[in-house]
């Protein structure tokens, strides 16, 4: 096999028209879809609130961890017969039930 000259090699490297006829299957991209959506289809997808999270939902989810920690902290501090139950229920954003049958005194 004859080695290419520097000029031939450089020309080959600069050739972006796939001179070696490499297929996408050969490099593991056989399942890649190269079809691009139209601008209209893309815009319809991007503004679809059914599949994308709204700002309100995102804020609600982002504050859930802080609310959970606050709930746990208040509950952990209430070591005597759940005297802070109304506060716990408020911090944990839970409805206060009339009967506390779920806690034993």
PDB file of N, CA and C in Angstrom:
ATOM      1  N   UNK A   1       0.848  -1.164   0.000  1.00  0.00           N
ATOM      2  CA  UNK A   1       0.000   0.000   0.000  1.00  0.00           C
ATOM      3  C   UNK A   1       0.900   1.235   0.000  1.00  0.00           C
ATOM      4  N   UNK A   2       0.590   2.163  -0.831  1.00  0.00           N
ATOM      5  CA  UNK A   2       1.374   3.375  -0.979  1.00  0.00           C
ATOM      6  C   UNK A   2       0.870   4.450  -0.013  1.00  0.00           C
ATOM      7  N   UNK A   3       1.794   5.135   0.624  1.00  0.00           N
ATOM      8  CA  UNK A   3       1.432   6.193   1.567  1.00  0.00           C
ATOM      9  C   UNK A   3       1.121   7.478   0.797  1.00  0.00           C
ATOM     10  N   UNK A   4       0.094   8.176   1.269  1.00  0.00           N
ATOM     11  CA  UNK A   4      -0.288   9.435   0.625  1.00  0.00           C
ATOM     12  C   UNK A   4       0.733  10.512   0.938  1.00  0.00           C
ATOM     13  N   UNK A   5       0.846  11.429   0.019  1.00  0.00           N
ATOM     14  CA  UNK A   5       1.709  12.587   0.277  1.00  0.00           C
ATOM     15  C   UNK A   5       1.000  13.494   1.265  1.00  0.00           C
ATOM     16  N   UNK A   6       1.734  14.440   1.818  1.00  0.00           N
ATOM     17  CA  UNK A   6       1.139  15.405   2.769  1.00  0.00           C
ATOM     18  C   UNK A   6       0.006  16.163   2.088  1.00  0.00           C
ATOM     19  N   UNK A   7       0.193  16.582   0.863  1.00  0.00           N
ATOM     20  CA  UNK A   7      -0.832  17.314   0.134  1.00  0.00           C
ATOM     21  C   UNK A   7      -2.073  16.452  -0.072  1.00  0.00           C
ATOM     22  N   UNK A   8      -1.892  15.196  -0.469  1.00  0.00           N
ATOM     23  CA  UNK A   8      -3.025  14.279  -0.667  1.00  0.00           C
ATOM     24  C   UNK A   8      -3.759  14.025   0.654  1.00  0.00           C
ATOM     25  N   UNK A   9      -2.990  13.847   1.722  1.00  0.00           N
ATOM     26  CA  UNK A   9      -3.592  13.618   3.038  1.00  0.00           C
ATOM     27  C   UNK A   9      -4.399  14.831   3.471  1.00  0.00           C
ATOM     28  N   UNK A  10      -3.805  16.026   3.357  1.00  0.00           N
ATOM     29  CA  UNK A  10      -4.509  17.251   3.747  1.00  0.00           C
ATOM     30  C   UNK A  10      -5.777  17.446   2.919  1.00  0.00           C
ATOM     31  N   UNK A  11      -5.706  17.177   1.625  1.00  0.00           N
ATOM     32  CA  UNK A  11      -6.887  17.286   0.769  1.00  0.00           C
ATOM     33  C   UNK A  11      -7.968  16.299   1.221  1.00  0.00           C
ATOM     34  N   UNK A  12      -7.554  15.106   1.587  1.00  0.00           N
ATOM     35  CA  UNK A  12      -8.507  14.090   2.049  1.00  0.00           C
ATOM     36  C   UNK A  12      -9.184  14.545   3.354  1.00  0.00           C
ATOM     37  N   UNK A  13      -8.408  15.085   4.277  1.00  0.00           N
ATOM     38  CA  UNK A  13      -8.951  15.537   5.569  1.00  0.00           C
ATOM     39  C   UNK A  13      -9.936  16.685   5.357  1.00  0.00           C
ATOM     40  N   UNK A  14      -9.650  17.568   4.438  1.00  0.00           N
ATOM     41  CA  UNK A  14     -10.515  18.725   4.173  1.00  0.00           C
ATOM     42  C   UNK A  14     -11.787  18.354   3.412  1.00  0.00           C
ATOM     43  N   UNK A  15     -11.816  17.186   2.820  1.00  0.00           N
ATOM     44  CA  UNK A  15     -12.961  16.749   2.026  1.00  0.00           C
ATOM     45  C   UNK A  15     -14.093  16.318   2.967  1.00  0.00           C
ATOM     46  N   UNK A  16     -15.133  17.120   3.052  1.00  0.00           N
ATOM     47  CA  UNK A  16     -16.248  16.836   3.961  1.00  0.00           C
ATOM     48  C   UNK A  16     -17.412  16.127   3.269  1.00  0.00           C
ATOM     49  N   UNK A  17     -17.199  15.645   2.068  1.00  0.00           N
ATOM     50  CA  UNK A  17     -18.274  14.972   1.333  1.00  0.00           C
ATOM     51  C   UNK A  17     -18.255  13.460   1.546  1.00  0.00           C
ATOM     52  N   UNK A  18     -17.688  13.012   2.659  1.00  0.00           N
ATOM     53  CA  UNK A  18     -17.658  11.597   3.024  1.00  0.00           C
ATOM     54  C   UNK A  18     -16.913  10.754   1.980  1.00  0.00           C
ATOM     55  N   UNK A  19     -15.618  11.033   1.766  1.00  0.00           N
ATOM     56  CA  UNK A  19     -14.861  10.325   0.731  1.00  0.00           C
ATOM     57  C   UNK A  19     -14.691   8.832   0.996  1.00  0.00           C
ATOM     58  N   UNK A  20     -14.846   8.385   2.230  1.00  0.00           N
ATOM     59  CA  UNK A  20     -14.695   6.966   2.551  1.00  0.00           C
ATOM     60  C   UNK A  20     -16.030   6.235   2.568  1.00  0.00           C
ATOM     61  N   UNK A  21     -17.119   6.946   2.262  1.00  0.00           N
ATOM     62  CA  UNK A  21     -18.472   6.368   2.216  1.00  0.00           C
ATOM     63  C   UNK A  21     -18.866   5.695   3.528  1.00  0.00           C
ATOM     64  N   UNK A  22     -18.542   6.334   4.622  1.00  0.00           N
ATOM     65  CA  UNK A  22     -18.908   5.817   5.942  1.00  0.00           C
ATOM     66  C   UNK A  22     -20.402   6.042   6.152  1.00  0.00           C
ATOM     67  N   UNK A  23     -21.092   4.995   6.603  1.00  0.00           N
ATOM     68  CA  UNK A  23     -22.530   5.113   6.852  1.00  0.00           C
ATOM     69  C   UNK A  23     -22.775   5.376   8.335  1.00  0.00           C
ATOM     70  N   UNK A  24     -23.944   5.908   8.639  1.00  0.00           N
ATOM     71  CA  UNK A  24     -24.275   6.172  10.040  1.00  0.00           C
ATOM     72  C   UNK A  24     -24.400   4.866  10.834  1.00  0.00           C
ATOM     73  N   UNK A  25     -24.781   3.784  10.175  1.00  0.00           N
ATOM     74  CA  UNK A  25     -24.846   2.483  10.856  1.00  0.00           C
ATOM     75  C   UNK A  25     -23.454   2.038  11.315  1.00  0.00           C
ATOM     76  N   UNK A  26     -22.441   2.328  10.509  1.00  0.00           N
ATOM     77  CA  UNK A  26     -21.078   1.917  10.833  1.00  0.00           C
ATOM     78  C   UNK A  26     -20.526   2.625  12.071  1.00  0.00           C
ATOM     79  N   UNK A  27     -21.053   3.790  12.377  1.00  0.00           N
ATOM     80  CA  UNK A  27     -20.548   4.532  13.552  1.00  0.00           C
ATOM     81  C   UNK A  27     -21.576   4.602  14.677  1.00  0.00           C
ATOM     82  N   UNK A  28     -22.586   3.719  14.612  1.00  0.00           N
ATOM     83  CA  UNK A  28     -23.537   3.609  15.717  1.00  0.00           C
ATOM     84  C   UNK A  28     -24.647   4.632  15.710  1.00  0.00           C
ATOM     85  N   UNK A  29     -24.907   5.270  14.580  1.00  0.00           N
ATOM     86  CA  UNK A  29     -25.959   6.281  14.510  1.00  0.00           C
ATOM     87  C   UNK A  29     -27.122   5.841  13.626  1.00  0.00           C
ATOM     88  N   UNK A  30     -27.306   4.548  13.486  1.00  0.00           N
ATOM     89  CA  UNK A  30     -28.335   4.020  12.596  1.00  0.00           C
ATOM     90  C   UNK A  30     -29.746   4.426  12.957  1.00  0.00           C
ATOM     91  N   UNK A  31     -30.015   4.691  14.235  1.00  0.00           N
ATOM     92  CA  UNK A  31     -31.366   5.038  14.657  1.00  0.00           C
ATOM     93  C   UNK A  31     -31.591   6.537  14.793  1.00  0.00           C
ATOM     94  N   UNK A  32     -30.627   7.338  14.387  1.00  0.00           N
ATOM     95  CA  UNK A  32     -30.763   8.784  14.504  1.00  0.00           C
ATOM     96  C   UNK A  32     -31.643   9.301  13.373  1.00  0.00           C
ATOM     97  N   UNK A  33     -32.645  10.089  13.747  1.00  0.00           N
ATOM     98  CA  UNK A  33     -33.551  10.678  12.772  1.00  0.00           C
ATOM     99  C   UNK A  33     -33.009  12.055  12.399  1.00  0.00           C
ATOM    100  N   UNK A  34     -32.705  12.261  11.145  1.00  0.00           N
ATOM    101  CA  UNK A  34     -32.134  13.538  10.741  1.00  0.00           C
ATOM    102  C   UNK A  34     -33.184  14.512  10.225  1.00  0.00           C
ATOM    103  N   UNK A  35     -34.453  14.135  10.313  1.00  0.00           N
ATOM    104  CA  UNK A  35     -35.519  15.021   9.866  1.00  0.00           C
ATOM    105  C   UNK A  35     -35.668  16.174  10.853  1.00  0.00           C
ATOM    106  N   UNK A  36     -35.787  17.368  10.351  1.00  0.00           N
ATOM    107  CA  UNK A  36     -35.919  18.542  11.203  1.00  0.00           C
ATOM    108  C   UNK A  36     -37.340  19.066  11.085  1.00  0.00           C
ATOM    109  N   UNK A  37     -37.903  19.461  12.214  1.00  0.00           N
ATOM    110  CA  UNK A  37     -39.260  19.999  12.220  1.00  0.00           C
ATOM    111  C   UNK A  37     -39.291  21.364  11.549  1.00  0.00           C
ATOM    112  N   UNK A  38     -40.443  21.685  10.979  1.00  0.00           N
ATOM    113  CA  UNK A  38     -40.617  23.025  10.426  1.00  0.00           C
ATOM    114  C   UNK A  38     -40.678  24.020  11.584  1.00  0.00           C
ATOM    115  N   UNK A  39     -40.487  25.277  11.287  1.00  0.00           N
ATOM    116  CA  UNK A  39     -40.544  26.328  12.323  1.00  0.00           C
ATOM    117  C   UNK A  39     -41.915  26.335  12.994  1.00  0.00           C
ATOM    118  N   UNK A  40     -42.957  26.152  12.225  1.00  0.00           N
ATOM    119  CA  UNK A  40     -44.313  26.123  12.781  1.00  0.00           C
ATOM    120  C   UNK A  40     -44.485  24.944  13.733  1.00  0.00           C
ATOM    121  N   UNK A  41     -44.057  23.755  13.294  1.00  0.00           N
ATOM    122  CA  UNK A  41     -44.170  22.568  14.160  1.00  0.00           C
ATOM    123  C   UNK A  41     -43.329  22.724  15.421  1.00  0.00           C
ATOM    124  N   UNK A  42     -42.133  23.279  15.275  1.00  0.00           N
ATOM    125  CA  UNK A  42     -41.269  23.498  16.437  1.00  0.00           C
ATOM    126  C   UNK A  42     -41.931  24.455  17.416  1.00  0.00           C
ATOM    127  N   UNK A  43     -42.462  25.568  16.930  1.00  0.00           N
ATOM    128  CA  UNK A  43     -43.123  26.536  17.798  1.00  0.00           C
ATOM    129  C   UNK A  43     -44.339  25.938  18.482  1.00  0.00           C
ATOM    130  N   UNK A  44     -45.120  25.147  17.754  1.00  0.00           N
ATOM    131  CA  UNK A  44     -46.281  24.479  18.364  1.00  0.00           C
ATOM    132  C   UNK A  44     -45.840  23.546  19.484  1.00  0.00           C
ATOM    133  N   UNK A  45     -44.758  22.817  19.266  1.00  0.00           N
ATOM    134  CA  UNK A  45     -44.238  21.908  20.291  1.00  0.00           C
ATOM    135  C   UNK A  45     -43.730  22.687  21.507  1.00  0.00           C
ATOM    136  N   UNK A  46     -42.973  23.739  21.256  1.00  0.00           N
ATOM    137  CA  UNK A  46     -42.351  24.502  22.344  1.00  0.00           C
ATOM    138  C   UNK A  46     -43.380  25.191  23.219  1.00  0.00           C
ATOM    139  N   UNK A  47     -44.526  25.549  22.674  1.00  0.00           N
ATOM    140  CA  UNK A  47     -45.548  26.254  23.464  1.00  0.00           C
ATOM    141  C   UNK A  47     -46.643  25.337  23.987  1.00  0.00           C
ATOM    142  N   UNK A  48     -46.505  24.049  23.786  1.00  0.00           N
ATOM    143  CA  UNK A  48     -47.512  23.086  24.239  1.00  0.00           C
ATOM    144  C   UNK A  48     -47.424  22.920  25.750  1.00  0.00           C
ATOM    145  N   UNK A  49     -48.361  23.511  26.472  1.00  0.00           N
ATOM    146  CA  UNK A  49     -48.344  23.476  27.945  1.00  0.00           C
ATOM    147  C   UNK A  49     -48.752  22.116  28.503  1.00  0.00           C
ATOM    148  N   UNK A  50     -49.287  21.251  27.661  1.00  0.00           N
ATOM    149  CA  UNK A  50     -49.652  19.914  28.128  1.00  0.00           C
ATOM    150  C   UNK A  50     -48.411  19.072  28.368  1.00  0.00           C
ATOM    151  N   UNK A  51     -47.382  19.259  27.545  1.00  0.00           N
ATOM    152  CA  UNK A  51     -46.185  18.437  27.691  1.00  0.00           C
ATOM    153  C   UNK A  51     -45.028  19.174  28.349  1.00  0.00           C
ATOM    154  N   UNK A  52     -45.143  20.485  28.475  1.00  0.00           N
ATOM    155  CA  UNK A  52     -44.075  21.261  29.097  1.00  0.00           C
ATOM    156  C   UNK A  52     -44.559  21.827  30.425  1.00  0.00           C
ATOM    157  N   UNK A  53     -43.658  21.963  31.357  1.00  0.00           N
ATOM    158  CA  UNK A  53     -43.992  22.405  32.708  1.00  0.00           C
ATOM    159  C   UNK A  53     -44.245  23.908  32.716  1.00  0.00           C
ATOM    160  N   UNK A  54     -45.321  24.297  33.367  1.00  0.00           N
ATOM    161  CA  UNK A  54     -45.608  25.722  33.501  1.00  0.00           C
ATOM    162  C   UNK A  54     -44.731  26.319  34.600  1.00  0.00           C
ATOM    163  N   UNK A  55     -44.633  27.627  34.620  1.00  0.00           N
ATOM    164  CA  UNK A  55     -43.839  28.320  35.642  1.00  0.00           C
ATOM    165  C   UNK A  55     -44.390  28.013  37.029  1.00  0.00           C
ATOM    166  N   UNK A  56     -45.706  27.999  37.169  1.00  0.00           N
ATOM    167  CA  UNK A  56     -46.313  27.710  38.479  1.00  0.00           C
ATOM    168  C   UNK A  56     -45.975  26.299  38.953  1.00  0.00           C
ATOM    169  N   UNK A  57     -46.054  25.330  38.045  1.00  0.00           N
ATOM    170  CA  UNK A  57     -45.702  23.953  38.421  1.00  0.00           C
ATOM    171  C   UNK A  57     -44.229  23.855  38.803  1.00  0.00           C
ATOM    172  N   UNK A  58     -43.373  24.496  38.020  1.00  0.00           N
ATOM    173  CA  UNK A  58     -41.942  24.453  38.306  1.00  0.00           C
ATOM    174  C   UNK A  58     -41.651  25.070  39.673  1.00  0.00           C
ATOM    175  N   UNK A  59     -42.259  26.211  39.981  1.00  0.00           N
ATOM    176  CA  UNK A  59     -42.056  26.848  41.288  1.00  0.00           C
ATOM    177  C   UNK A  59     -42.584  25.972  42.414  1.00  0.00           C
ATOM    178  N   UNK A  60     -43.716  25.344  42.186  1.00  0.00           N
ATOM    179  CA  UNK A  60     -44.293  24.450  43.204  1.00  0.00           C
ATOM    180  C   UNK A  60     -43.343  23.290  43.492  1.00  0.00           C
ATOM    181  N   UNK A  61     -42.798  22.682  42.455  1.00  0.00           N
ATOM    182  CA  UNK A  61     -41.872  21.561  42.630  1.00  0.00           C
ATOM    183  C   UNK A  61     -40.563  22.013  43.267  1.00  0.00           C
ATOM    184  N   UNK A  62     -40.100  23.209  42.883  1.00  0.00           N
ATOM    185  CA  UNK A  62     -38.833  23.698  43.413  1.00  0.00           C
ATOM    186  C   UNK A  62     -38.915  24.028  44.899  1.00  0.00           C
ATOM    187  N   UNK A  63     -40.103  24.387  45.386  1.00  0.00           N
ATOM    188  CA  UNK A  63     -40.251  24.704  46.809  1.00  0.00           C
ATOM    189  C   UNK A  63     -40.641  23.487  47.646  1.00  0.00           C
ATOM    190  N   UNK A  64     -40.936  22.377  47.005  1.00  0.00           N
ATOM    191  CA  UNK A  64     -41.387  21.185  47.732  1.00  0.00           C
ATOM    192  C   UNK A  64     -40.337  20.693  48.721  1.00  0.00           C
ATOM    193  N   UNK A  65     -39.067  20.719  48.351  1.00  0.00           N
ATOM    194  CA  UNK A  65     -38.021  20.236  49.249  1.00  0.00           C
ATOM    195  C   UNK A  65     -37.919  21.113  50.492  1.00  0.00           C
ATOM    196  N   UNK A  66     -37.954  22.419  50.301  1.00  0.00           N
ATOM    197  CA  UNK A  66     -37.875  23.338  51.443  1.00  0.00           C
ATOM    198  C   UNK A  66     -39.083  23.141  52.356  1.00  0.00           C
ATOM    199  N   UNK A  67     -40.268  22.974  51.773  1.00  0.00           N
ATOM    200  CA  UNK A  67     -41.471  22.740  52.583  1.00  0.00           C
ATOM    201  C   UNK A  67     -41.363  21.426  53.349  1.00  0.00           C
ATOM    202  N   UNK A  68     -40.828  20.420  52.718  1.00  0.00           N
ATOM    203  CA  UNK A  68     -40.672  19.126  53.366  1.00  0.00           C
ATOM    204  C   UNK A  68     -39.709  19.215  54.545  1.00  0.00           C
ATOM    205  N   UNK A  69     -38.601  19.939  54.353  1.00  0.00           N
ATOM    206  CA  UNK A  69     -37.637  20.106  55.434  1.00  0.00           C
ATOM    207  C   UNK A  69     -38.261  20.874  56.593  1.00  0.00           C
ATOM    208  N   UNK A  70     -38.999  21.939  56.285  1.00  0.00           N
ATOM    209  CA  UNK A  70     -39.648  22.722  57.341  1.00  0.00           C
ATOM    210  C   UNK A  70     -40.638  21.857  58.111  1.00  0.00           C
ATOM    211  N   UNK A  71     -41.387  21.034  57.405  1.00  0.00           N
ATOM    212  CA  UNK A  71     -42.352  20.129  58.030  1.00  0.00           C
ATOM    213  C   UNK A  71     -41.628  19.160  58.963  1.00  0.00           C
ATOM    214  N   UNK A  72     -40.549  18.576  58.484  1.00  0.00           N
ATOM    215  CA  UNK A  72     -39.778  17.623  59.287  1.00  0.00           C
ATOM    216  C   UNK A  72     -39.176  18.300  60.517  1.00  0.00           C
ATOM    217  N   UNK A  73     -38.650  19.501  60.348  1.00  0.00           N
ATOM    218  CA  UNK A  73     -38.041  20.226  61.472  1.00  0.00           C
ATOM    219  C   UNK A  73     -39.063  20.528  62.561  1.00  0.00           C
ATOM    220  N   UNK A  74     -40.247  20.999  62.177  1.00  0.00           N
ATOM    221  CA  UNK A  74     -41.293  21.310  63.164  1.00  0.00           C
ATOM    222  C   UNK A  74     -41.747  20.030  63.849  1.00  0.00           C
ATOM    223  N   UNK A  75     -41.931  18.988  63.083  1.00  0.00           N
ATOM    224  CA  UNK A  75     -42.385  17.711  63.644  1.00  0.00           C
ATOM    225  C   UNK A  75     -41.336  17.129  64.599  1.00  0.00           C
ATOM    226  N   UNK A  76     -40.073  17.206  64.226  1.00  0.00           N
ATOM    227  CA  UNK A  76     -39.003  16.670  65.072  1.00  0.00           C
ATOM    228  C   UNK A  76     -38.878  17.449  66.376  1.00  0.00           C
ATOM    229  N   UNK A  77     -39.179  18.737  66.340  1.00  0.00           N
ATOM    230  CA  UNK A  77     -39.081  19.559  67.551  1.00  0.00           C
ATOM    231  C   UNK A  77     -40.252  19.330  68.504  1.00  0.00           C
ATOM    232  N   UNK A  78     -41.326  18.745  68.010  1.00  0.00           N
ATOM    233  CA  UNK A  78     -42.519  18.520  68.836  1.00  0.00           C
ATOM    234  C   UNK A  78     -42.441  17.130  69.442  1.00  0.00           C
ATOM    235  N   UNK A  79     -41.759  17.019  70.580  1.00  0.00           N
ATOM    236  CA  UNK A  79     -41.520  15.710  71.185  1.00  0.00           C
ATOM    237  C   UNK A  79     -42.524  15.334  72.265  1.00  0.00           C
ATOM    238  N   UNK A  80     -43.446  16.238  72.577  1.00  0.00           N
ATOM    239  CA  UNK A  80     -44.376  15.954  73.662  1.00  0.00           C
ATOM    240  C   UNK A  80     -45.808  15.919  73.146  1.00  0.00           C
ATOM    241  N   UNK A  81     -46.340  14.752  72.969  1.00  0.00           N
ATOM    242  CA  UNK A  81     -47.748  14.529  72.634  1.00  0.00           C
ATOM    243  C   UNK A  81     -48.259  15.336  71.443  1.00  0.00           C
ATOM    244  N   UNK A  82     -47.399  15.653  70.539  1.00  0.00           N
ATOM    245  CA  UNK A  82     -47.814  16.356  69.329  1.00  0.00           C
ATOM    246  C   UNK A  82     -48.591  17.635  69.633  1.00  0.00           C
ATOM    247  N   UNK A  83     -48.101  18.436  70.576  1.00  0.00           N
ATOM    248  CA  UNK A  83     -48.770  19.670  70.961  1.00  0.00           C
ATOM    249  C   UNK A  83     -48.758  20.707  69.829  1.00  0.00           C
ATOM    250  N   UNK A  84     -47.826  20.585  68.935  1.00  0.00           N
ATOM    251  CA  UNK A  84     -47.727  21.549  67.838  1.00  0.00           C
ATOM    252  C   UNK A  84     -48.416  21.040  66.573  1.00  0.00           C
ATOM    253  N   UNK A  85     -49.366  20.158  66.739  1.00  0.00           N
ATOM    254  CA  UNK A  85     -50.007  19.563  65.571  1.00  0.00           C
ATOM    255  C   UNK A  85     -50.588  20.601  64.610  1.00  0.00           C
ATOM    256  N   UNK A  86     -51.317  21.609  65.069  1.00  0.00           N
ATOM    257  CA  UNK A  86     -51.829  22.603  64.116  1.00  0.00           C
ATOM    258  C   UNK A  86     -50.702  23.296  63.343  1.00  0.00           C
ATOM    259  N   UNK A  87     -49.596  23.600  64.024  1.00  0.00           N
ATOM    260  CA  UNK A  87     -48.466  24.233  63.347  1.00  0.00           C
ATOM    261  C   UNK A  87     -47.855  23.266  62.335  1.00  0.00           C
ATOM    262  N   UNK A  88     -47.709  22.003  62.724  1.00  0.00           N
ATOM    263  CA  UNK A  88     -47.165  20.992  61.816  1.00  0.00           C
ATOM    264  C   UNK A  88     -48.045  20.876  60.581  1.00  0.00           C
ATOM    265  N   UNK A  89     -49.344  20.813  60.800  1.00  0.00           N
ATOM    266  CA  UNK A  89     -50.266  20.672  59.676  1.00  0.00           C
ATOM    267  C   UNK A  89     -50.172  21.876  58.745  1.00  0.00           C
ATOM    268  N   UNK A  90     -50.004  23.075  59.314  1.00  0.00           N
ATOM    269  CA  UNK A  90     -49.905  24.283  58.479  1.00  0.00           C
ATOM    270  C   UNK A  90     -48.596  24.299  57.699  1.00  0.00           C
ATOM    271  N   UNK A  91     -47.493  24.016  58.385  1.00  0.00           N
ATOM    272  CA  UNK A  91     -46.196  24.026  57.717  1.00  0.00           C
ATOM    273  C   UNK A  91     -46.131  22.946  56.646  1.00  0.00           C
ATOM    274  N   UNK A  92     -46.710  21.801  56.950  1.00  0.00           N
ATOM    275  CA  UNK A  92     -46.682  20.692  55.996  1.00  0.00           C
ATOM    276  C   UNK A  92     -47.759  20.819  54.932  1.00  0.00           C
ATOM    277  N   UNK A  93     -48.546  21.885  55.017  1.00  0.00           N
ATOM    278  CA  UNK A  93     -49.622  22.139  54.060  1.00  0.00           C
ATOM    279  C   UNK A  93     -50.602  20.973  53.997  1.00  0.00           C
ATOM    280  N   UNK A  94     -50.976  20.487  55.175  1.00  0.00           N
ATOM    281  CA  UNK A  94     -51.937  19.396  55.280  1.00  0.00           C
ATOM    282  C   UNK A  94     -53.211  19.918  55.923  1.00  0.00           C
ATOM    283  N   UNK A  95     -54.359  19.390  55.547  1.00  0.00           N
ATOM    284  CA  UNK A  95     -55.605  19.837  56.182  1.00  0.00           C
ATOM    285  C   UNK A  95     -55.667  19.324  57.619  1.00  0.00           C
ATOM    286  N   UNK A  96     -56.130  20.161  58.530  1.00  0.00           N
ATOM    287  CA  UNK A  96     -56.266  19.761  59.929  1.00  0.00           C
ATOM    288  C   UNK A  96     -57.575  19.002  60.084  1.00  0.00           C
ATOM    289  N   UNK A  97     -57.489  17.753  60.516  1.00  0.00           N
ATOM    290  CA  UNK A  97     -58.682  16.925  60.688  1.00  0.00           C
ATOM    291  C   UNK A  97     -59.284  17.209  62.054  1.00  0.00           C
ATOM    292  N   UNK A  98     -60.587  17.040  62.156  1.00  0.00           N
ATOM    293  CA  UNK A  98     -61.268  17.316  63.423  1.00  0.00           C
ATOM    294  C   UNK A  98     -60.859  16.319  64.491  1.00  0.00           C
ATOM    295  N   UNK A  99     -60.729  15.071  64.113  1.00  0.00           N
ATOM    296  CA  UNK A  99     -60.326  14.059  65.075  1.00  0.00           C
ATOM    297  C   UNK A  99     -58.920  13.602  64.752  1.00  0.00           C
ATOM    298  N   UNK A 100     -58.096  13.532  65.789  1.00  0.00           N
ATOM    299  CA  UNK A 100     -56.715  13.115  65.582  1.00  0.00           C
ATOM    300  C   UNK A 100     -56.580  11.611  65.846  1.00  0.00           C
ATOM    301  N   UNK A 101     -57.285  10.842  65.098  1.00  0.00           N
ATOM    302  CA  UNK A 101     -57.238   9.393  65.315  1.00  0.00           C
ATOM    303  C   UNK A 101     -55.949   8.786  64.789  1.00  0.00           C
ATOM    304  N   UNK A 102     -55.208   9.530  64.023  1.00  0.00           N
ATOM    305  CA  UNK A 102     -53.981   8.998  63.446  1.00  0.00           C
ATOM    306  C   UNK A 102     -52.776   9.169  64.366  1.00  0.00           C
ATOM    307  N   UNK A 103     -52.953   9.873  65.493  1.00  0.00           N
ATOM    308  CA  UNK A 103     -51.872   9.998  66.497  1.00  0.00           C
ATOM    309  C   UNK A 103     -52.364   9.406  67.808  1.00  0.00           C
ATOM    310  N   UNK A 104     -51.530   8.633  68.428  1.00  0.00           N
ATOM    311  CA  UNK A 104     -51.873   8.095  69.742  1.00  0.00           C
ATOM    312  C   UNK A 104     -51.222   8.960  70.798  1.00  0.00           C
ATOM    313  N   UNK A 105     -51.958   9.247  71.844  1.00  0.00           N
ATOM    314  CA  UNK A 105     -51.386  10.037  72.952  1.00  0.00           C
ATOM    315  C   UNK A 105     -50.714   9.142  73.939  1.00  0.00           C
TER     316      UNK A 105
END
